[in-house]
Full PDB file with SEQRES, HELIX, SHEET, SSBOND, CRYST1, ORIGX, SCALE, CONECT and MASTER records, all heavy atoms in Angstrom:
SEQRES   1 A   40  PHE LYS MET THR ILE ASP SER ILE GLU ILE LYS ASP GLU          
SEQRES   2 A   40  TYR SER TYR ARG THR SER ASP ILE SER THR SER SER LEU          
SEQRES   3 A   40  TYR VAL GLU ASP GLY TYR LYS LEU LEU ILE MET PHE GLY          
SEQRES   4 A   40  HIS                                                          
SHEET    1 AA1 2 SER A   7  LYS A  11  0                                        
SHEET    2 AA1 2 LEU A  34  PHE A  38 -1                                        
SHEET    1 AA2 2 SER A  15  ARG A  17  0                                        
SHEET    2 AA2 2 THR A  23  SER A  25 -1                                        
CRYST1    1.000    1.000    1.000  90.00  90.00  90.00 P 1           1          
ORIGX1      1.000000  0.000000  0.000000        0.00000                         
ORIGX2      0.000000  1.000000  0.000000        0.00000                         
ORIGX3      0.000000  0.000000  1.000000        0.00000                         
SCALE1      1.000000  0.000000  0.000000        0.00000                         
SCALE2      0.000000  1.000000  0.000000        0.00000                         
SCALE3      0.000000  0.000000  1.000000        0.00000                         
ATOM      1  N   PHE A   1       2.040  10.880 -18.850  1.00  0.00           N  
ATOM      2  CA  PHE A   1       1.422  10.586 -17.554  1.00  0.00           C  
ATOM      3  C   PHE A   1       1.699  11.704 -16.548  1.00  0.00           C  
ATOM      4  O   PHE A   1       2.594  12.529 -16.731  1.00  0.00           O  
ATOM      5  CB  PHE A   1       1.914   9.246 -16.997  1.00  0.00           C  
ATOM      6  CG  PHE A   1       3.334   9.270 -16.508  1.00  0.00           C  
ATOM      7  CD1 PHE A   1       3.646   9.561 -15.179  1.00  0.00           C  
ATOM      8  CD2 PHE A   1       4.393   9.000 -17.367  1.00  0.00           C  
ATOM      9  CE1 PHE A   1       4.951   9.582 -14.732  1.00  0.00           C  
ATOM     10  CE2 PHE A   1       5.706   9.016 -16.927  1.00  0.00           C  
ATOM     11  CZ  PHE A   1       5.985   9.306 -15.598  1.00  0.00           C  
ATOM     12  N   LYS A   2       0.909  11.688 -15.487  1.00  0.00           N  
ATOM     13  CA  LYS A   2       1.093  12.590 -14.352  1.00  0.00           C  
ATOM     14  C   LYS A   2       1.042  11.750 -13.082  1.00  0.00           C  
ATOM     15  O   LYS A   2       0.139  10.929 -12.910  1.00  0.00           O  
ATOM     16  CB  LYS A   2       0.002  13.661 -14.328  1.00  0.00           C  
ATOM     17  CG  LYS A   2       0.133  14.645 -13.176  1.00  0.00           C  
ATOM     18  CD  LYS A   2      -0.977  15.693 -13.252  1.00  0.00           C  
ATOM     19  CE  LYS A   2      -0.882  16.691 -12.111  1.00  0.00           C  
ATOM     20  NZ  LYS A   2      -1.984  17.695 -12.189  1.00  0.00           N  
ATOM     21  N   MET A   3       2.019  11.953 -12.195  1.00  0.00           N  
ATOM     22  CA  MET A   3       2.167  11.098 -11.026  1.00  0.00           C  
ATOM     23  C   MET A   3       2.431  11.957  -9.806  1.00  0.00           C  
ATOM     24  O   MET A   3       3.460  12.631  -9.726  1.00  0.00           O  
ATOM     25  CB  MET A   3       3.336  10.130 -11.290  1.00  0.00           C  
ATOM     26  CG  MET A   3       3.679   9.178 -10.211  1.00  0.00           C  
ATOM     27  SD  MET A   3       5.034   8.109 -10.831  1.00  0.00           S  
ATOM     28  CE  MET A   3       5.336   7.118  -9.385  1.00  0.00           C  
ATOM     29  N   THR A   4       1.499  11.970  -8.861  1.00  0.00           N  
ATOM     30  CA  THR A   4       1.697  12.756  -7.649  1.00  0.00           C  
ATOM     31  C   THR A   4       2.433  11.912  -6.604  1.00  0.00           C  
ATOM     32  O   THR A   4       2.390  10.681  -6.637  1.00  0.00           O  
ATOM     33  CB  THR A   4       0.368  13.239  -7.062  1.00  0.00           C  
ATOM     34  OG1 THR A   4      -0.386  12.102  -6.598  1.00  0.00           O  
ATOM     35  CG2 THR A   4      -0.441  14.008  -8.099  1.00  0.00           C  
ATOM     36  N   ILE A   5       3.105  12.592  -5.685  1.00  0.00           N  
ATOM     37  CA  ILE A   5       3.817  11.935  -4.585  1.00  0.00           C  
ATOM     38  C   ILE A   5       3.182  12.461  -3.301  1.00  0.00           C  
ATOM     39  O   ILE A   5       3.474  13.568  -2.853  1.00  0.00           O  
ATOM     40  CB  ILE A   5       5.319  12.242  -4.634  1.00  0.00           C  
ATOM     41  CG1 ILE A   5       5.895  11.791  -5.980  1.00  0.00           C  
ATOM     42  CG2 ILE A   5       6.046  11.573  -3.482  1.00  0.00           C  
ATOM     43  CD1 ILE A   5       7.145  12.500  -6.402  1.00  0.00           C  
ATOM     44  N   ASP A   6       2.283  11.658  -2.721  1.00  0.00           N  
ATOM     45  CA  ASP A   6       1.455  12.147  -1.623  1.00  0.00           C  
ATOM     46  C   ASP A   6       2.043  11.878  -0.239  1.00  0.00           C  
ATOM     47  O   ASP A   6       1.927  12.715   0.658  1.00  0.00           O  
ATOM     48  CB  ASP A   6       0.055  11.532  -1.717  1.00  0.00           C  
ATOM     49  CG  ASP A   6      -0.667  11.966  -2.996  1.00  0.00           C  
ATOM     50  OD1 ASP A   6      -0.235  12.959  -3.614  1.00  0.00           O  
ATOM     51  OD2 ASP A   6      -1.644  11.304  -3.381  1.00  0.00           O  
ATOM     52  N   SER A   7       2.647  10.715  -0.037  1.00  0.00           N  
ATOM     53  CA  SER A   7       3.194  10.406   1.292  1.00  0.00           C  
ATOM     54  C   SER A   7       4.140   9.223   1.218  1.00  0.00           C  
ATOM     55  O   SER A   7       4.092   8.429   0.262  1.00  0.00           O  
ATOM     56  CB  SER A   7       2.071  10.107   2.295  1.00  0.00           C  
ATOM     57  OG  SER A   7       1.395   8.918   1.927  1.00  0.00           O  
ATOM     58  N   ILE A   8       5.020   9.109   2.214  1.00  0.00           N  
ATOM     59  CA  ILE A   8       5.886   7.941   2.397  1.00  0.00           C  
ATOM     60  C   ILE A   8       5.683   7.479   3.833  1.00  0.00           C  
ATOM     61  O   ILE A   8       5.890   8.250   4.779  1.00  0.00           O  
ATOM     62  CB  ILE A   8       7.364   8.269   2.130  1.00  0.00           C  
ATOM     63  CG1 ILE A   8       7.560   8.650   0.649  1.00  0.00           C  
ATOM     64  CG2 ILE A   8       8.256   7.088   2.498  1.00  0.00           C  
ATOM     65  CD1 ILE A   8       8.974   9.086   0.303  1.00  0.00           C  
ATOM     66  N   GLU A   9       5.263   6.225   4.017  1.00  0.00           N  
ATOM     67  CA  GLU A   9       4.872   5.738   5.338  1.00  0.00           C  
ATOM     68  C   GLU A   9       5.427   4.340   5.596  1.00  0.00           C  
ATOM     69  O   GLU A   9       5.665   3.575   4.662  1.00  0.00           O  
ATOM     70  CB  GLU A   9       3.339   5.701   5.451  1.00  0.00           C  
ATOM     71  CG  GLU A   9       2.659   7.034   5.139  1.00  0.00           C  
ATOM     72  CD  GLU A   9       1.149   6.912   5.102  1.00  0.00           C  
ATOM     73  OE1 GLU A   9       0.606   6.055   5.848  1.00  0.00           O  
ATOM     74  OE2 GLU A   9       0.511   7.650   4.316  1.00  0.00           O  
ATOM     75  N   ILE A  10       5.581   4.017   6.898  1.00  0.00           N  
ATOM     76  CA  ILE A  10       5.923   2.659   7.318  1.00  0.00           C  
ATOM     77  C   ILE A  10       4.674   2.037   7.937  1.00  0.00           C  
ATOM     78  O   ILE A  10       4.033   2.639   8.795  1.00  0.00           O  
ATOM     79  CB  ILE A  10       7.078   2.659   8.339  1.00  0.00           C  
ATOM     80  CG1 ILE A  10       8.371   3.138   7.676  1.00  0.00           C  
ATOM     81  CG2 ILE A  10       7.277   1.265   8.925  1.00  0.00           C  
ATOM     82  CD1 ILE A  10       9.555   3.223   8.615  1.00  0.00           C  
ATOM     83  N   LYS A  11       4.327   0.822   7.472  1.00  0.00           N  
ATOM     84  CA  LYS A  11       3.125   0.157   7.963  1.00  0.00           C  
ATOM     85  C   LYS A  11       3.423  -1.313   8.241  1.00  0.00           C  
ATOM     86  O   LYS A  11       4.272  -1.930   7.580  1.00  0.00           O  
ATOM     87  CB  LYS A  11       1.989   0.271   6.941  1.00  0.00           C  
ATOM     88  CG  LYS A  11       1.472   1.704   6.755  1.00  0.00           C  
ATOM     89  CD  LYS A  11       0.290   1.724   5.817  1.00  0.00           C  
ATOM     90  CE  LYS A  11      -0.325   3.120   5.714  1.00  0.00           C  
ATOM     91  NZ  LYS A  11      -0.985   3.527   6.974  1.00  0.00           N  
ATOM     92  N   ASP A  12       2.692  -1.859   9.218  1.00  0.00           N  
ATOM     93  CA  ASP A  12       2.817  -3.291   9.508  1.00  0.00           C  
ATOM     94  C   ASP A  12       2.180  -4.118   8.390  1.00  0.00           C  
ATOM     95  O   ASP A  12       2.640  -5.211   8.060  1.00  0.00           O  
ATOM     96  CB  ASP A  12       2.141  -3.624  10.836  1.00  0.00           C  
ATOM     97  CG  ASP A  12       2.846  -2.980  12.025  1.00  0.00           C  
ATOM     98  OD1 ASP A  12       4.075  -2.795  11.952  1.00  0.00           O  
ATOM     99  OD2 ASP A  12       2.164  -2.647  13.014  1.00  0.00           O  
ATOM    100  N   GLU A  13       1.098  -3.605   7.821  1.00  0.00           N  
ATOM    101  CA  GLU A  13       0.406  -4.270   6.713  1.00  0.00           C  
ATOM    102  C   GLU A  13      -0.434  -3.223   6.000  1.00  0.00           C  
ATOM    103  O   GLU A  13      -0.665  -2.128   6.524  1.00  0.00           O  
ATOM    104  CB  GLU A  13      -0.475  -5.411   7.217  1.00  0.00           C  
ATOM    105  CG  GLU A  13      -1.516  -4.975   8.212  1.00  0.00           C  
ATOM    106  CD  GLU A  13      -2.304  -6.142   8.797  1.00  0.00           C  
ATOM    107  OE1 GLU A  13      -1.817  -7.286   8.734  1.00  0.00           O  
ATOM    108  OE2 GLU A  13      -3.405  -5.881   9.298  1.00  0.00           O  
ATOM    109  N   TYR A  14      -0.869  -3.566   4.778  1.00  0.00           N  
ATOM    110  CA  TYR A  14      -1.699  -2.612   4.049  1.00  0.00           C  
ATOM    111  C   TYR A  14      -2.569  -3.350   3.042  1.00  0.00           C  
ATOM    112  O   TYR A  14      -2.098  -4.218   2.303  1.00  0.00           O  
ATOM    113  CB  TYR A  14      -0.840  -1.575   3.322  1.00  0.00           C  
ATOM    114  CG  TYR A  14      -1.666  -0.509   2.641  1.00  0.00           C  
ATOM    115  CD1 TYR A  14      -2.266   0.496   3.386  1.00  0.00           C  
ATOM    116  CD2 TYR A  14      -1.875  -0.538   1.262  1.00  0.00           C  
ATOM    117  CE1 TYR A  14      -3.053   1.469   2.774  1.00  0.00           C  
ATOM    118  CE2 TYR A  14      -2.656   0.428   0.644  1.00  0.00           C  
ATOM    119  CZ  TYR A  14      -3.236   1.426   1.409  1.00  0.00           C  
ATOM    120  OH  TYR A  14      -4.023   2.390   0.801  1.00  0.00           O  
ATOM    121  N   SER A  15      -3.858  -2.996   3.023  1.00  0.00           N  
ATOM    122  CA  SER A  15      -4.814  -3.560   2.064  1.00  0.00           C  
ATOM    123  C   SER A  15      -5.562  -2.422   1.395  1.00  0.00           C  
ATOM    124  O   SER A  15      -5.742  -1.353   1.988  1.00  0.00           O  
ATOM    125  CB  SER A  15      -5.817  -4.486   2.762  1.00  0.00           C  
ATOM    126  OG  SER A  15      -5.154  -5.576   3.375  1.00  0.00           O  
ATOM    127  N   TYR A  16      -5.986  -2.646   0.165  1.00  0.00           N  
ATOM    128  CA  TYR A  16      -6.778  -1.641  -0.540  1.00  0.00           C  
ATOM    129  C   TYR A  16      -7.902  -2.333  -1.308  1.00  0.00           C  
ATOM    130  O   TYR A  16      -7.806  -3.497  -1.690  1.00  0.00           O  
ATOM    131  CB  TYR A  16      -5.913  -0.805  -1.488  1.00  0.00           C  
ATOM    132  CG  TYR A  16      -5.147  -1.601  -2.523  1.00  0.00           C  
ATOM    133  CD1 TYR A  16      -5.710  -1.904  -3.756  1.00  0.00           C  
ATOM    134  CD2 TYR A  16      -3.848  -2.043  -2.271  1.00  0.00           C  
ATOM    135  CE1 TYR A  16      -5.014  -2.625  -4.711  1.00  0.00           C  
ATOM    136  CE2 TYR A  16      -3.143  -2.770  -3.216  1.00  0.00           C  
ATOM    137  CZ  TYR A  16      -3.721  -3.057  -4.432  1.00  0.00           C  
ATOM    138  OH  TYR A  16      -3.034  -3.777  -5.371  1.00  0.00           O  
ATOM    139  N   ARG A  17      -8.972  -1.587  -1.513  1.00  0.00           N  
ATOM    140  CA  ARG A  17     -10.150  -2.137  -2.178  1.00  0.00           C  
ATOM    141  C   ARG A  17      -9.951  -2.114  -3.694  1.00  0.00           C  
ATOM    142  O   ARG A  17      -9.537  -1.105  -4.253  1.00  0.00           O  
ATOM    143  CB  ARG A  17     -11.384  -1.344  -1.787  1.00  0.00           C  
ATOM    144  CG  ARG A  17     -12.684  -1.914  -2.334  1.00  0.00           C  
ATOM    145  CD  ARG A  17     -13.872  -1.227  -1.695  1.00  0.00           C  
ATOM    146  NE  ARG A  17     -13.962  -1.513  -0.273  1.00  0.00           N  
ATOM    147  CZ  ARG A  17     -14.446  -2.649   0.243  1.00  0.00           C  
ATOM    148  NH1 ARG A  17     -14.899  -3.605  -0.578  1.00  0.00           N  
ATOM    149  NH2 ARG A  17     -14.494  -2.836   1.537  1.00  0.00           N  
ATOM    150  N   THR A  18     -10.215  -3.231  -4.337  1.00  0.00           N  
ATOM    151  CA  THR A  18     -10.112  -3.316  -5.797  1.00  0.00           C  
ATOM    152  C   THR A  18     -11.480  -3.278  -6.476  1.00  0.00           C  
ATOM    153  O   THR A  18     -11.560  -3.035  -7.680  1.00  0.00           O  
ATOM    154  CB  THR A  18      -9.384  -4.600  -6.209  1.00  0.00           C  
ATOM    155  OG1 THR A  18     -10.064  -5.727  -5.654  1.00  0.00           O  
ATOM    156  CG2 THR A  18      -7.947  -4.584  -5.700  1.00  0.00           C  
ATOM    157  N   SER A  19     -12.515  -3.530  -5.723  1.00  0.00           N  
ATOM    158  CA  SER A  19     -13.883  -3.441  -6.236  1.00  0.00           C  
ATOM    159  C   SER A  19     -14.817  -3.367  -5.030  1.00  0.00           C  
ATOM    160  O   SER A  19     -14.374  -3.341  -3.875  1.00  0.00           O  
ATOM    161  CB  SER A  19     -14.223  -4.646  -7.116  1.00  0.00           C  
ATOM    162  OG  SER A  19     -14.370  -5.803  -6.323  1.00  0.00           O  
ATOM    163  N   ASP A  20     -16.096  -3.355  -5.281  1.00  0.00           N  
ATOM    164  CA  ASP A  20     -17.071  -3.291  -4.183  1.00  0.00           C  
ATOM    165  C   ASP A  20     -17.053  -4.537  -3.318  1.00  0.00           C  
ATOM    166  O   ASP A  20     -17.490  -4.512  -2.161  1.00  0.00           O  
ATOM    167  CB  ASP A  20     -18.477  -3.076  -4.741  1.00  0.00           C  
ATOM    168  CG  ASP A  20     -18.643  -1.699  -5.360  1.00  0.00           C  
ATOM    169  OD1 ASP A  20     -17.854  -0.805  -5.003  1.00  0.00           O  
ATOM    170  OD2 ASP A  20     -19.547  -1.531  -6.215  1.00  0.00           O  
ATOM    171  N   ILE A  21     -16.541  -5.627  -3.864  1.00  0.00           N  
ATOM    172  CA  ILE A  21     -16.609  -6.896  -3.127  1.00  0.00           C  
ATOM    173  C   ILE A  21     -15.240  -7.535  -2.881  1.00  0.00           C  
ATOM    174  O   ILE A  21     -15.169  -8.630  -2.345  1.00  0.00           O  
ATOM    175  CB  ILE A  21     -17.503  -7.896  -3.869  1.00  0.00           C  
ATOM    176  CG1 ILE A  21     -16.958  -8.158  -5.281  1.00  0.00           C  
ATOM    177  CG2 ILE A  21     -18.945  -7.403  -3.924  1.00  0.00           C  
ATOM    178  CD1 ILE A  21     -17.684  -9.269  -6.016  1.00  0.00           C  
ATOM    179  N   SER A  22     -14.151  -6.875  -3.280  1.00  0.00           N  
ATOM    180  CA  SER A  22     -12.831  -7.511  -3.112  1.00  0.00           C  
ATOM    181  C   SER A  22     -11.774  -6.501  -2.673  1.00  0.00           C  
ATOM    182  O   SER A  22     -11.893  -5.305  -2.928  1.00  0.00           O  
ATOM    183  CB  SER A  22     -12.390  -8.199  -4.410  1.00  0.00           C  
ATOM    184  OG  SER A  22     -12.223  -7.247  -5.434  1.00  0.00           O  
ATOM    185  N   THR A  23     -10.749  -7.019  -2.009  1.00  0.00           N  
ATOM    186  CA  THR A  23      -9.602  -6.211  -1.588  1.00  0.00           C  
ATOM    187  C   THR A  23      -8.324  -6.952  -1.939  1.00  0.00           C  
ATOM    188  O   THR A  23      -8.336  -8.156  -2.212  1.00  0.00           O  
ATOM    189  CB  THR A  23      -9.619  -5.943  -0.072  1.00  0.00           C  
ATOM    190  OG1 THR A  23      -9.586  -7.205   0.620  1.00  0.00           O  
ATOM    191  CG2 THR A  23     -10.839  -5.149   0.348  1.00  0.00           C  
ATOM    192  N   SER A  24      -7.227  -6.231  -1.910  1.00  0.00           N  
ATOM    193  CA  SER A  24      -5.912  -6.826  -2.158  1.00  0.00           C  
ATOM    194  C   SER A  24      -4.960  -6.353  -1.058  1.00  0.00           C  
ATOM    195  O   SER A  24      -5.032  -5.194  -0.618  1.00  0.00           O  
ATOM    196  CB  SER A  24      -5.375  -6.408  -3.528  1.00  0.00           C  
ATOM    197  OG  SER A  24      -4.110  -6.980  -3.768  1.00  0.00           O  
ATOM    198  N   SER A  25      -4.085  -7.240  -0.613  1.00  0.00           N  
ATOM    199  CA  SER A  25      -3.136  -6.917   0.451  1.00  0.00           C  
ATOM    200  C   SER A  25      -1.716  -6.953  -0.086  1.00  0.00           C  
ATOM    201  O   SER A  25      -1.370  -7.831  -0.895  1.00  0.00           O  
ATOM    202  CB  SER A  25      -3.268  -7.914   1.607  1.00  0.00           C  
ATOM    203  OG  SER A  25      -4.564  -7.871   2.163  1.00  0.00           O  
ATOM    204  N   LEU A  26      -0.895  -6.015   0.363  1.00  0.00           N  
ATOM    205  CA  LEU A  26       0.513  -6.007  -0.020  1.00  0.00           C  
ATOM    206  C   LEU A  26       1.243  -7.117   0.730  1.00  0.00           C  
ATOM    207  O   LEU A  26       0.981  -7.359   1.919  1.00  0.00           O  
ATOM    208  CB  LEU A  26       1.157  -4.659   0.299  1.00  0.00           C  
ATOM    209  CG  LEU A  26       0.535  -3.421  -0.352  1.00  0.00           C  
ATOM    210  CD1 LEU A  26       1.367  -2.181  -0.033  1.00  0.00           C  
ATOM    211  CD2 LEU A  26       0.409  -3.588  -1.857  1.00  0.00           C  
ATOM    212  N   TYR A  27       2.161  -7.766   0.053  1.00  0.00           N  
ATOM    213  CA  TYR A  27       2.919  -8.861   0.646  1.00  0.00           C  
ATOM    214  C   TYR A  27       3.948  -8.314   1.641  1.00  0.00           C  
ATOM    215  O   TYR A  27       4.693  -7.380   1.326  1.00  0.00           O  
ATOM    216  CB  TYR A  27       3.630  -9.659  -0.446  1.00  0.00           C  
ATOM    217  CG  TYR A  27       4.616 -10.659   0.096  1.00  0.00           C  
ATOM    218  CD1 TYR A  27       4.183 -11.836   0.693  1.00  0.00           C  
ATOM    219  CD2 TYR A  27       5.987 -10.408   0.031  1.00  0.00           C  
ATOM    220  CE1 TYR A  27       5.083 -12.760   1.203  1.00  0.00           C  
ATOM    221  CE2 TYR A  27       6.896 -11.329   0.535  1.00  0.00           C  
ATOM    222  CZ  TYR A  27       6.446 -12.491   1.119  1.00  0.00           C  
ATOM    223  OH  TYR A  27       7.336 -13.383   1.629  1.00  0.00           O  
ATOM    224  N   VAL A  28       3.991  -8.894   2.837  1.00  0.00           N  
ATOM    225  CA  VAL A  28       5.000  -8.508   3.828  1.00  0.00           C  
ATOM    226  C   VAL A  28       5.541  -9.780   4.482  1.00  0.00           C  
ATOM    227  O   VAL A  28       4.783 -10.664   4.893  1.00  0.00           O  
ATOM    228  CB  VAL A  28       4.415  -7.533   4.881  1.00  0.00           C  
ATOM    229  CG1 VAL A  28       3.206  -8.118   5.579  1.00  0.00           C  
ATOM    230  CG2 VAL A  28       5.484  -7.124   5.886  1.00  0.00           C  
ATOM    231  N   GLU A  29       6.854  -9.897   4.558  1.00  0.00           N  
ATOM    232  CA  GLU A  29       7.493 -11.067   5.147  1.00  0.00           C  
ATOM    233  C   GLU A  29       7.414 -11.010   6.670  1.00  0.00           C  
ATOM    234  O   GLU A  29       7.301  -9.937   7.270  1.00  0.00           O  
ATOM    235  CB  GLU A  29       8.977 -11.125   4.736  1.00  0.00           C  
ATOM    236  CG  GLU A  29       9.215 -11.347   3.266  1.00  0.00           C  
ATOM    237  CD  GLU A  29      10.697 -11.468   2.955  1.00  0.00           C  
ATOM    238  OE1 GLU A  29      11.372 -12.312   3.598  1.00  0.00           O  
ATOM    239  OE2 GLU A  29      11.196 -10.713   2.113  1.00  0.00           O  
ATOM    240  N   ASP A  30       7.531 -12.179   7.310  1.00  0.00           N  
ATOM    241  CA  ASP A  30       7.601 -12.228   8.764  1.00  0.00           C  
ATOM    242  C   ASP A  30       8.875 -11.529   9.223  1.00  0.00           C  
ATOM    243  O   ASP A  30       9.959 -11.750   8.662  1.00  0.00           O  
ATOM    244  CB  ASP A  30       7.619 -13.689   9.246  1.00  0.00           C  
ATOM    245  CG  ASP A  30       6.290 -14.381   9.024  1.00  0.00           C  
ATOM    246  OD1 ASP A  30       5.269 -13.668   8.929  1.00  0.00           O  
ATOM    247  OD2 ASP A  30       6.280 -15.630   8.937  1.00  0.00           O  
ATOM    248  N   GLY A  31       8.744 -10.681  10.248  1.00  0.00           N  
ATOM    249  CA  GLY A  31       9.901  -9.953  10.755  1.00  0.00           C  
ATOM    250  C   GLY A  31      10.222  -8.704   9.952  1.00  0.00           C  
ATOM    251  O   GLY A  31      11.251  -8.073  10.179  1.00  0.00           O  
ATOM    252  N   TYR A  32       9.348  -8.337   9.035  1.00  0.00           N  
ATOM    253  CA  TYR A  32       9.548  -7.158   8.190  1.00  0.00           C  
ATOM    254  C   TYR A  32       8.359  -6.209   8.313  1.00  0.00           C  
ATOM    255  O   TYR A  32       7.288  -6.583   8.801  1.00  0.00           O  
ATOM    256  CB  TYR A  32       9.707  -7.563   6.717  1.00  0.00           C  
ATOM    257  CG  TYR A  32      11.061  -8.133   6.377  1.00  0.00           C  
ATOM    258  CD1 TYR A  32      11.428  -9.413   6.822  1.00  0.00           C  
ATOM    259  CD2 TYR A  32      11.970  -7.421   5.621  1.00  0.00           C  
ATOM    260  CE1 TYR A  32      12.664  -9.947   6.509  1.00  0.00           C  
ATOM    261  CE2 TYR A  32      13.213  -7.948   5.300  1.00  0.00           C  
ATOM    262  CZ  TYR A  32      13.554  -9.207   5.752  1.00  0.00           C  
ATOM    263  OH  TYR A  32      14.787  -9.732   5.455  1.00  0.00           O  
ATOM    264  N   LYS A  33       8.563  -4.992   7.846  1.00  0.00           N  
ATOM    265  CA  LYS A  33       7.487  -4.018   7.727  1.00  0.00           C  
ATOM    266  C   LYS A  33       7.490  -3.459   6.312  1.00  0.00           C  
ATOM    267  O   LYS A  33       8.428  -3.664   5.549  1.00  0.00           O  
ATOM    268  CB  LYS A  33       7.652  -2.892   8.755  1.00  0.00           C  
ATOM    269  CG  LYS A  33       7.433  -3.350  10.194  1.00  0.00           C  
ATOM    270  CD  LYS A  33       7.363  -2.172  11.148  1.00  0.00           C  
ATOM    271  CE  LYS A  33       7.056  -2.654  12.561  1.00  0.00           C  
ATOM    272  NZ  LYS A  33       6.871  -1.516  13.504  1.00  0.00           N  
ATOM    273  N   LEU A  34       6.424  -2.752   5.987  1.00  0.00           N  
ATOM    274  CA  LEU A  34       6.283  -2.158   4.660  1.00  0.00           C  
ATOM    275  C   LEU A  34       6.694  -0.690   4.697  1.00  0.00           C  
ATOM    276  O   LEU A  34       6.232   0.073   5.545  1.00  0.00           O  
ATOM    277  CB  LEU A  34       4.838  -2.263   4.187  1.00  0.00           C  
ATOM    278  CG  LEU A  34       4.284  -3.666   3.952  1.00  0.00           C  
ATOM    279  CD1 LEU A  34       2.767  -3.606   3.804  1.00  0.00           C  
ATOM    280  CD2 LEU A  34       4.920  -4.302   2.728  1.00  0.00           C  
ATOM    281  N   LEU A  35       7.559  -0.317   3.771  1.00  0.00           N  
ATOM    282  CA  LEU A  35       7.852   1.095   3.520  1.00  0.00           C  
ATOM    283  C   LEU A  35       7.174   1.435   2.189  1.00  0.00           C  
ATOM    284  O   LEU A  35       7.519   0.861   1.157  1.00  0.00           O  
ATOM    285  CB  LEU A  35       9.356   1.339   3.442  1.00  0.00           C  
ATOM    286  CG  LEU A  35       9.793   2.763   3.094  1.00  0.00           C  
ATOM    287  CD1 LEU A  35       9.329   3.761   4.152  1.00  0.00           C  
ATOM    288  CD2 LEU A  35      11.317   2.843   2.923  1.00  0.00           C  
ATOM    289  N   ILE A  36       6.207   2.355   2.232  1.00  0.00           N  
ATOM    290  CA  ILE A  36       5.333   2.573   1.078  1.00  0.00           C  
ATOM    291  C   ILE A  36       5.315   4.049   0.685  1.00  0.00           C  
ATOM    292  O   ILE A  36       5.200   4.934   1.535  1.00  0.00           O  
ATOM    293  CB  ILE A  36       3.881   2.150   1.388  1.00  0.00           C  
ATOM    294  CG1 ILE A  36       3.843   0.794   2.088  1.00  0.00           C  
ATOM    295  CG2 ILE A  36       3.040   2.121   0.116  1.00  0.00           C  
ATOM    296  CD1 ILE A  36       2.457   0.402   2.591  1.00  0.00           C  
ATOM    297  N   MET A  37       5.396   4.292  -0.630  1.00  0.00           N  
ATOM    298  CA  MET A  37       5.141   5.622  -1.177  1.00  0.00           C  
ATOM    299  C   MET A  37       3.777   5.593  -1.857  1.00  0.00           C  
ATOM    300  O   MET A  37       3.528   4.753  -2.726  1.00  0.00           O  
ATOM    301  CB  MET A  37       6.223   6.033  -2.175  1.00  0.00           C  
ATOM    302  CG  MET A  37       6.037   7.449  -2.713  1.00  0.00           C  
ATOM    303  SD  MET A  37       7.435   8.019  -3.724  1.00  0.00           S  
ATOM    304  CE  MET A  37       7.059   7.203  -5.271  1.00  0.00           C  
ATOM    305  N   PHE A  38       2.895   6.508  -1.456  1.00  0.00           N  
ATOM    306  CA  PHE A  38       1.544   6.583  -1.999  1.00  0.00           C  
ATOM    307  C   PHE A  38       1.412   7.789  -2.921  1.00  0.00           C  
ATOM    308  O   PHE A  38       2.062   8.823  -2.730  1.00  0.00           O  
ATOM    309  CB  PHE A  38       0.513   6.730  -0.876  1.00  0.00           C  
ATOM    310  CG  PHE A  38       0.400   5.533   0.025  1.00  0.00           C  
ATOM    311  CD1 PHE A  38       1.051   5.513   1.255  1.00  0.00           C  
ATOM    312  CD2 PHE A  38      -0.364   4.438  -0.344  1.00  0.00           C  
ATOM    313  CE1 PHE A  38       0.932   4.416   2.099  1.00  0.00           C  
ATOM    314  CE2 PHE A  38      -0.485   3.339   0.490  1.00  0.00           C  
ATOM    315  CZ  PHE A  38       0.168   3.328   1.713  1.00  0.00           C  
ATOM    316  N   GLY A  39       0.524   7.666  -3.915  1.00  0.00           N  
ATOM    317  CA  GLY A  39       0.238   8.794  -4.792  1.00  0.00           C  
ATOM    318  C   GLY A  39      -0.891   8.471  -5.754  1.00  0.00           C  
ATOM    319  O   GLY A  39      -1.560   7.437  -5.640  1.00  0.00           O  
ATOM    320  N   HIS A  40      -1.077   9.351  -6.711  1.00  0.00           N  
ATOM    321  CA  HIS A  40      -2.130   9.197  -7.712  1.00  0.00           C  
ATOM    322  C   HIS A  40      -1.489   9.232  -9.101  1.00  0.00           C  
ATOM    323  O   HIS A  40      -0.574  10.033  -9.340  1.00  0.00           O  
ATOM    324  CB  HIS A  40      -3.166  10.319  -7.575  1.00  0.00           C  
ATOM    325  CG  HIS A  40      -4.428  10.052  -8.317  1.00  0.00           C  
ATOM    326  ND1 HIS A  40      -5.379   9.143  -7.893  1.00  0.00           N  
ATOM    327  CD2 HIS A  40      -4.911  10.571  -9.485  1.00  0.00           C  
ATOM    328  CE1 HIS A  40      -6.384   9.120  -8.741  1.00  0.00           C  
ATOM    329  NE2 HIS A  40      -6.125   9.968  -9.729  1.00  0.00           N  
TER     330      HIS A  40                                                      
MASTER        0    0    0    0    4    0    0    6  329    1    0    4          
END                                                                             
């Protein structure tokens, strides 16, 4: 495999598209934020 490391970010919430008609959201607890590493 090949895995790029594009960014590390803090977000209140995050959703991404899984198809033309659907999206998925990352789970975040109340009183928390998301620390996310993005890549390909």
